[in-house]
Amino acid sequence: MGFKLPARYGNAIFALLMSFITSLIVSGIISMIHHVTLAAWLKSFLIAWPMVFVSIITIAPRVARFVEGLVTRS
């Protein structure tokens, strides 16, 4: 890969991609279960994505610290 961003953007990029993928999957599954239109799914996705992004950007560091306390480094 030729172009790379500085490491300081790593957490934000992780949250952006993870929130996109999570919102896409969850809103897609729920939309299929409820047989909604593509437009209704897209609206749900666009509402969910920013909410999931904020959740991940704020919660992920705490979860990472919690996991560090559960595992040992070999």
PDB file of N, CA and C in Angstrom:
ATOM      1  N   MET A   1       0.849  -1.173   0.000  1.00  0.00           N
ATOM      2  CA  MET A   1       0.000   0.000   0.000  1.00  0.00           C
ATOM      3  C   MET A   1       0.898   1.242   0.000  1.00  0.00           C
ATOM      4  N   GLY A   2       0.717   2.119  -0.957  1.00  0.00           N
ATOM      5  CA  GLY A   2       1.595   3.270  -1.106  1.00  0.00           C
ATOM      6  C   GLY A   2       1.329   4.399  -0.131  1.00  0.00           C
ATOM      7  N   PHE A   3       0.065   4.742   0.092  1.00  0.00           N
ATOM      8  CA  PHE A   3      -0.287   5.869   0.948  1.00  0.00           C
ATOM      9  C   PHE A   3      -0.686   5.360   2.329  1.00  0.00           C
ATOM     10  N   LYS A   4      -0.069   5.922   3.355  1.00  0.00           N
ATOM     11  CA  LYS A   4      -0.415   5.549   4.726  1.00  0.00           C
ATOM     12  C   LYS A   4      -0.629   6.807   5.550  1.00  0.00           C
ATOM     13  N   LEU A   5      -1.581   6.725   6.445  1.00  0.00           N
ATOM     14  CA  LEU A   5      -1.861   7.824   7.364  1.00  0.00           C
ATOM     15  C   LEU A   5      -0.991   7.677   8.607  1.00  0.00           C
ATOM     16  N   PRO A   6      -0.760   8.763   9.316  1.00  0.00           N
ATOM     17  CA  PRO A   6       0.004   8.674  10.563  1.00  0.00           C
ATOM     18  C   PRO A   6      -0.703   7.762  11.575  1.00  0.00           C
ATOM     19  N   ALA A   7       0.080   7.118  12.407  1.00  0.00           N
ATOM     20  CA  ALA A   7      -0.443   6.161  13.395  1.00  0.00           C
ATOM     21  C   ALA A   7      -1.449   6.798  14.344  1.00  0.00           C
ATOM     22  N   ARG A   8      -1.357   8.105  14.571  1.00  0.00           N
ATOM     23  CA  ARG A   8      -2.276   8.759  15.511  1.00  0.00           C
ATOM     24  C   ARG A   8      -3.735   8.671  15.053  1.00  0.00           C
ATOM     25  N   TYR A   9      -3.964   8.385  13.772  1.00  0.00           N
ATOM     26  CA  TYR A   9      -5.323   8.244  13.252  1.00  0.00           C
ATOM     27  C   TYR A   9      -5.829   6.805  13.329  1.00  0.00           C
ATOM     28  N   GLY A  10      -5.026   5.898  13.846  1.00  0.00           N
ATOM     29  CA  GLY A  10      -5.374   4.482  13.871  1.00  0.00           C
ATOM     30  C   GLY A  10      -6.685   4.178  14.579  1.00  0.00           C
ATOM     31  N   ASN A  11      -6.877   4.738  15.765  1.00  0.00           N
ATOM     32  CA  ASN A  11      -8.110   4.475  16.509  1.00  0.00           C
ATOM     33  C   ASN A  11      -9.339   4.998  15.784  1.00  0.00           C
ATOM     34  N   ALA A  12      -9.230   6.179  15.206  1.00  0.00           N
ATOM     35  CA  ALA A  12     -10.370   6.754  14.491  1.00  0.00           C
ATOM     36  C   ALA A  12     -10.691   5.949  13.224  1.00  0.00           C
ATOM     37  N   ILE A  13      -9.669   5.513  12.511  1.00  0.00           N
ATOM     38  CA  ILE A  13      -9.888   4.707  11.309  1.00  0.00           C
ATOM     39  C   ILE A  13     -10.497   3.361  11.684  1.00  0.00           C
ATOM     40  N   PHE A  14      -9.986   2.745  12.758  1.00  0.00           N
ATOM     41  CA  PHE A  14     -10.559   1.494  13.235  1.00  0.00           C
ATOM     42  C   PHE A  14     -12.037   1.686  13.552  1.00  0.00           C
ATOM     43  N   ALA A  15     -12.372   2.725  14.318  1.00  0.00           N
ATOM     44  CA  ALA A  15     -13.770   2.983  14.698  1.00  0.00           C
ATOM     45  C   ALA A  15     -14.630   3.258  13.478  1.00  0.00           C
ATOM     46  N   LEU A  16     -14.104   3.997  12.515  1.00  0.00           N
ATOM     47  CA  LEU A  16     -14.859   4.307  11.294  1.00  0.00           C
ATOM     48  C   LEU A  16     -15.184   3.033  10.517  1.00  0.00           C
ATOM     49  N   LEU A  17     -14.183   2.189  10.299  1.00  0.00           N
ATOM     50  CA  LEU A  17     -14.402   0.960   9.535  1.00  0.00           C
ATOM     51  C   LEU A  17     -15.259  -0.037  10.305  1.00  0.00           C
ATOM     52  N   MET A  18     -14.976  -0.205  11.588  1.00  0.00           N
ATOM     53  CA  MET A  18     -15.739  -1.154  12.386  1.00  0.00           C
ATOM     54  C   MET A  18     -17.197  -0.728  12.497  1.00  0.00           C
ATOM     55  N   SER A  19     -17.444   0.561  12.683  1.00  0.00           N
ATOM     56  CA  SER A  19     -18.825   1.039  12.786  1.00  0.00           C
ATOM     57  C   SER A  19     -19.557   0.886  11.459  1.00  0.00           C
ATOM     58  N   PHE A  20     -18.857   1.126  10.354  1.00  0.00           N
ATOM     59  CA  PHE A  20     -19.468   0.950   9.029  1.00  0.00           C
ATOM     60  C   PHE A  20     -19.893  -0.502   8.829  1.00  0.00           C
ATOM     61  N   ILE A  21     -18.971  -1.419   9.085  1.00  0.00           N
ATOM     62  CA  ILE A  21     -19.242  -2.842   8.867  1.00  0.00           C
ATOM     63  C   ILE A  21     -20.329  -3.334   9.820  1.00  0.00           C
ATOM     64  N   THR A  22     -20.235  -2.966  11.090  1.00  0.00           N
ATOM     65  CA  THR A  22     -21.225  -3.399  12.072  1.00  0.00           C
ATOM     66  C   THR A  22     -22.611  -2.868  11.728  1.00  0.00           C
ATOM     67  N   SER A  23     -22.715  -1.594  11.412  1.00  0.00           N
ATOM     68  CA  SER A  23     -24.001  -0.997  11.061  1.00  0.00           C
ATOM     69  C   SER A  23     -24.573  -1.621   9.803  1.00  0.00           C
ATOM     70  N   LEU A  24     -23.716  -1.865   8.832  1.00  0.00           N
ATOM     71  CA  LEU A  24     -24.147  -2.488   7.580  1.00  0.00           C
ATOM     72  C   LEU A  24     -24.747  -3.866   7.841  1.00  0.00           C
ATOM     73  N   ILE A  25     -24.052  -4.678   8.616  1.00  0.00           N
ATOM     74  CA  ILE A  25     -24.522  -6.043   8.892  1.00  0.00           C
ATOM     75  C   ILE A  25     -25.802  -6.033   9.727  1.00  0.00           C
ATOM     76  N   VAL A  26     -25.791  -5.310  10.837  1.00  0.00           N
ATOM     77  CA  VAL A  26     -26.944  -5.337  11.743  1.00  0.00           C
ATOM     78  C   VAL A  26     -28.182  -4.720  11.094  1.00  0.00           C
ATOM     79  N   SER A  27     -28.028  -3.557  10.473  1.00  0.00           N
ATOM     80  CA  SER A  27     -29.202  -2.940   9.839  1.00  0.00           C
ATOM     81  C   SER A  27     -29.688  -3.779   8.665  1.00  0.00           C
ATOM     82  N   GLY A  28     -28.771  -4.437   7.964  1.00  0.00           N
ATOM     83  CA  GLY A  28     -29.171  -5.307   6.857  1.00  0.00           C
ATOM     84  C   GLY A  28     -29.957  -6.512   7.330  1.00  0.00           C
ATOM     85  N   ILE A  29     -29.494  -7.159   8.399  1.00  0.00           N
ATOM     86  CA  ILE A  29     -30.197  -8.329   8.938  1.00  0.00           C
ATOM     87  C   ILE A  29     -31.574  -7.938   9.463  1.00  0.00           C
ATOM     88  N   ILE A  30     -31.632  -6.866  10.222  1.00  0.00           N
ATOM     89  CA  ILE A  30     -32.927  -6.419  10.760  1.00  0.00           C
ATOM     90  C   ILE A  30     -33.875  -6.040   9.624  1.00  0.00           C
ATOM     91  N   SER A  31     -33.358  -5.375   8.608  1.00  0.00           N
ATOM     92  CA  SER A  31     -34.195  -4.989   7.464  1.00  0.00           C
ATOM     93  C   SER A  31     -34.718  -6.210   6.717  1.00  0.00           C
ATOM     94  N   MET A  32     -33.889  -7.241   6.579  1.00  0.00           N
ATOM     95  CA  MET A  32     -34.340  -8.464   5.904  1.00  0.00           C
ATOM     96  C   MET A  32     -35.415  -9.168   6.732  1.00  0.00           C
ATOM     97  N   ILE A  33     -35.234  -9.212   8.043  1.00  0.00           N
ATOM     98  CA  ILE A  33     -36.218  -9.859   8.917  1.00  0.00           C
ATOM     99  C   ILE A  33     -37.575  -9.171   8.807  1.00  0.00           C
ATOM    100  N   HIS A  34     -37.550  -7.840   8.742  1.00  0.00           N
ATOM    101  CA  HIS A  34     -38.795  -7.064   8.716  1.00  0.00           C
ATOM    102  C   HIS A  34     -39.249  -6.713   7.299  1.00  0.00           C
ATOM    103  N   HIS A  35     -38.554  -7.220   6.293  1.00  0.00           N
ATOM    104  CA  HIS A  35     -38.929  -7.027   4.882  1.00  0.00           C
ATOM    105  C   HIS A  35     -39.142  -5.551   4.536  1.00  0.00           C
ATOM    106  N   VAL A  36     -38.180  -4.724   4.875  1.00  0.00           N
ATOM    107  CA  VAL A  36     -38.293  -3.296   4.570  1.00  0.00           C
ATOM    108  C   VAL A  36     -37.662  -3.001   3.207  1.00  0.00           C
ATOM    109  N   THR A  37     -37.977  -1.850   2.677  1.00  0.00           N
ATOM    110  CA  THR A  37     -37.448  -1.443   1.382  1.00  0.00           C
ATOM    111  C   THR A  37     -35.980  -1.049   1.500  1.00  0.00           C
ATOM    112  N   LEU A  38     -35.328  -0.974   0.359  1.00  0.00           N
ATOM    113  CA  LEU A  38     -33.929  -0.556   0.328  1.00  0.00           C
ATOM    114  C   LEU A  38     -33.779   0.863   0.884  1.00  0.00           C
ATOM    115  N   ALA A  39     -34.733   1.733   0.565  1.00  0.00           N
ATOM    116  CA  ALA A  39     -34.686   3.111   1.061  1.00  0.00           C
ATOM    117  C   ALA A  39     -34.793   3.152   2.587  1.00  0.00           C
ATOM    118  N   ALA A  40     -35.670   2.324   3.149  1.00  0.00           N
ATOM    119  CA  ALA A  40     -35.827   2.277   4.605  1.00  0.00           C
ATOM    120  C   ALA A  40     -34.565   1.714   5.252  1.00  0.00           C
ATOM    121  N   TRP A  41     -33.953   0.703   4.620  1.00  0.00           N
ATOM    122  CA  TRP A  41     -32.703   0.155   5.145  1.00  0.00           C
ATOM    123  C   TRP A  41     -31.614   1.224   5.137  1.00  0.00           C
ATOM    124  N   LEU A  42     -31.495   1.943   4.025  1.00  0.00           N
ATOM    125  CA  LEU A  42     -30.465   2.970   3.916  1.00  0.00           C
ATOM    126  C   LEU A  42     -30.651   4.048   4.979  1.00  0.00           C
ATOM    127  N   LYS A  43     -31.892   4.439   5.219  1.00  0.00           N
ATOM    128  CA  LYS A  43     -32.166   5.438   6.252  1.00  0.00           C
ATOM    129  C   LYS A  43     -31.739   4.914   7.619  1.00  0.00           C
ATOM    130  N   SER A  44     -32.080   3.668   7.914  1.00  0.00           N
ATOM    131  CA  SER A  44     -31.687   3.067   9.190  1.00  0.00           C
ATOM    132  C   SER A  44     -30.171   2.997   9.321  1.00  0.00           C
ATOM    133  N   PHE A  45     -29.511   2.594   8.241  1.00  0.00           N
ATOM    134  CA  PHE A  45     -28.058   2.502   8.245  1.00  0.00           C
ATOM    135  C   PHE A  45     -27.424   3.865   8.505  1.00  0.00           C
ATOM    136  N   LEU A  46     -27.922   4.894   7.832  1.00  0.00           N
ATOM    137  CA  LEU A  46     -27.339   6.238   7.982  1.00  0.00           C
ATOM    138  C   LEU A  46     -27.580   6.824   9.367  1.00  0.00           C
ATOM    139  N   ILE A  47     -28.625   6.381  10.042  1.00  0.00           N
ATOM    140  CA  ILE A  47     -28.851   6.803  11.426  1.00  0.00           C
ATOM    141  C   ILE A  47     -27.938   6.016  12.363  1.00  0.00           C
ATOM    142  N   ALA A  48     -27.819   4.721  12.108  1.00  0.00           N
ATOM    143  CA  ALA A  48     -27.053   3.856  13.007  1.00  0.00           C
ATOM    144  C   ALA A  48     -25.550   4.091  12.922  1.00  0.00           C
ATOM    145  N   TRP A  49     -25.031   4.322  11.728  1.00  0.00           N
ATOM    146  CA  TRP A  49     -23.579   4.399  11.555  1.00  0.00           C
ATOM    147  C   TRP A  49     -22.910   5.419  12.473  1.00  0.00           C
ATOM    148  N   PRO A  50     -23.368   6.679  12.498  1.00  0.00           N
ATOM    149  CA  PRO A  50     -22.707   7.642  13.399  1.00  0.00           C
ATOM    150  C   PRO A  50     -22.841   7.265  14.874  1.00  0.00           C
ATOM    151  N   MET A  51     -23.983   6.673  15.236  1.00  0.00           N
ATOM    152  CA  MET A  51     -24.179   6.276  16.626  1.00  0.00           C
ATOM    153  C   MET A  51     -23.212   5.160  17.010  1.00  0.00           C
ATOM    154  N   VAL A  52     -23.022   4.206  16.122  1.00  0.00           N
ATOM    155  CA  VAL A  52     -22.093   3.113  16.392  1.00  0.00           C
ATOM    156  C   VAL A  52     -20.654   3.647  16.398  1.00  0.00           C
ATOM    157  N   PHE A  53     -20.342   4.575  15.511  1.00  0.00           N
ATOM    158  CA  PHE A  53     -19.003   5.171  15.476  1.00  0.00           C
ATOM    159  C   PHE A  53     -18.661   5.815  16.823  1.00  0.00           C
ATOM    160  N   VAL A  54     -19.555   6.642  17.321  1.00  0.00           N
ATOM    161  CA  VAL A  54     -19.319   7.316  18.600  1.00  0.00           C
ATOM    162  C   VAL A  54     -19.191   6.290  19.717  1.00  0.00           C
ATOM    163  N   SER A  55     -20.030   5.260  19.677  1.00  0.00           N
ATOM    164  CA  SER A  55     -19.955   4.209  20.698  1.00  0.00           C
ATOM    165  C   SER A  55     -18.600   3.517  20.673  1.00  0.00           C
ATOM    166  N   ILE A  56     -18.140   3.146  19.487  1.00  0.00           N
ATOM    167  CA  ILE A  56     -16.856   2.444  19.376  1.00  0.00           C
ATOM    168  C   ILE A  56     -15.703   3.348  19.786  1.00  0.00           C
ATOM    169  N   ILE A  57     -15.714   4.586  19.340  1.00  0.00           N
ATOM    170  CA  ILE A  57     -14.592   5.482  19.639  1.00  0.00           C
ATOM    171  C   ILE A  57     -14.503   5.748  21.149  1.00  0.00           C
ATOM    172  N   THR A  58     -15.626   5.696  21.852  1.00  0.00           N
ATOM    173  CA  THR A  58     -15.584   5.957  23.291  1.00  0.00           C
ATOM    174  C   THR A  58     -15.450   4.688  24.129  1.00  0.00           C
ATOM    175  N   ILE A  59     -16.020   3.582  23.661  1.00  0.00           N
ATOM    176  CA  ILE A  59     -16.029   2.357  24.463  1.00  0.00           C
ATOM    177  C   ILE A  59     -14.826   1.457  24.186  1.00  0.00           C
ATOM    178  N   ALA A  60     -14.335   1.416  22.963  1.00  0.00           N
ATOM    179  CA  ALA A  60     -13.250   0.496  22.592  1.00  0.00           C
ATOM    180  C   ALA A  60     -12.012   0.623  23.481  1.00  0.00           C
ATOM    181  N   PRO A  61     -11.547   1.820  23.815  1.00  0.00           N
ATOM    182  CA  PRO A  61     -10.365   1.897  24.689  1.00  0.00           C
ATOM    183  C   PRO A  61     -10.597   1.264  26.068  1.00  0.00           C
ATOM    184  N   ARG A  62     -11.803   1.418  26.595  1.00  0.00           N
ATOM    185  CA  ARG A  62     -12.122   0.811  27.894  1.00  0.00           C
ATOM    186  C   ARG A  62     -12.160  -0.709  27.783  1.00  0.00           C
ATOM    187  N   VAL A  63     -12.751  -1.200  26.706  1.00  0.00           N
ATOM    188  CA  VAL A  63     -12.807  -2.647  26.499  1.00  0.00           C
ATOM    189  C   VAL A  63     -11.396  -3.203  26.324  1.00  0.00           C
ATOM    190  N   ALA A  64     -10.546  -2.495  25.594  1.00  0.00           N
ATOM    191  CA  ALA A  64      -9.167  -2.942  25.388  1.00  0.00           C
ATOM    192  C   ALA A  64      -8.422  -3.030  26.724  1.00  0.00           C
ATOM    193  N   ARG A  65      -8.607  -2.040  27.586  1.00  0.00           N
ATOM    194  CA  ARG A  65      -7.968  -2.078  28.910  1.00  0.00           C
ATOM    195  C   ARG A  65      -8.509  -3.236  29.743  1.00  0.00           C
ATOM    196  N   PHE A  66      -9.809  -3.484  29.667  1.00  0.00           N
ATOM    197  CA  PHE A  66     -10.415  -4.593  30.388  1.00  0.00           C
ATOM    198  C   PHE A  66      -9.846  -5.923  29.906  1.00  0.00           C
ATOM    199  N   VAL A  67      -9.723  -6.082  28.605  1.00  0.00           N
ATOM    200  CA  VAL A  67      -9.179  -7.316  28.029  1.00  0.00           C
ATOM    201  C   VAL A  67      -7.728  -7.493  28.453  1.00  0.00           C
ATOM    202  N   GLU A  68      -6.963  -6.416  28.486  1.00  0.00           N
ATOM    203  CA  GLU A  68      -5.563  -6.500  28.932  1.00  0.00           C
ATOM    204  C   GLU A  68      -5.481  -7.092  30.337  1.00  0.00           C
ATOM    205  N   GLY A  69      -6.473  -6.792  31.168  1.00  0.00           N
ATOM    206  CA  GLY A  69      -6.476  -7.342  32.511  1.00  0.00           C
ATOM    207  C   GLY A  69      -6.878  -8.808  32.576  1.00  0.00           C
ATOM    208  N   LEU A  70      -7.455  -9.316  31.510  1.00  0.00           N
ATOM    209  CA  LEU A  70      -7.909 -10.707  31.470  1.00  0.00           C
ATOM    210  C   LEU A  70      -6.894 -11.679  30.869  1.00  0.00           C
ATOM    211  N   VAL A  71      -5.924 -11.155  30.138  1.00  0.00           N
ATOM    212  CA  VAL A  71      -4.989 -12.027  29.438  1.00  0.00           C
ATOM    213  C   VAL A  71      -3.564 -11.778  29.936  1.00  0.00           C
ATOM    214  N   THR A  72      -2.713 -12.762  29.668  1.00  0.00           N
ATOM    215  CA  THR A  72      -1.304 -12.612  30.019  1.00  0.00           C
ATOM    216  C   THR A  72      -0.494 -12.499  28.742  1.00  0.00           C
ATOM    217  N   ARG A  73       0.600 -11.819  28.853  1.00  0.00           N
ATOM    218  CA  ARG A  73       1.525 -11.700  27.720  1.00  0.00           C
ATOM    219  C   ARG A  73       2.611 -12.748  27.877  1.00  0.00           C
ATOM    220  N   SER A  74       2.838 -13.518  26.830  1.00  0.00           N
ATOM    221  CA  SER A  74       3.857 -14.585  26.900  1.00  0.00           C
ATOM    222  C   SER A  74       5.201 -14.074  26.457  1.00  0.00           C
TER     223      SER A  74
END
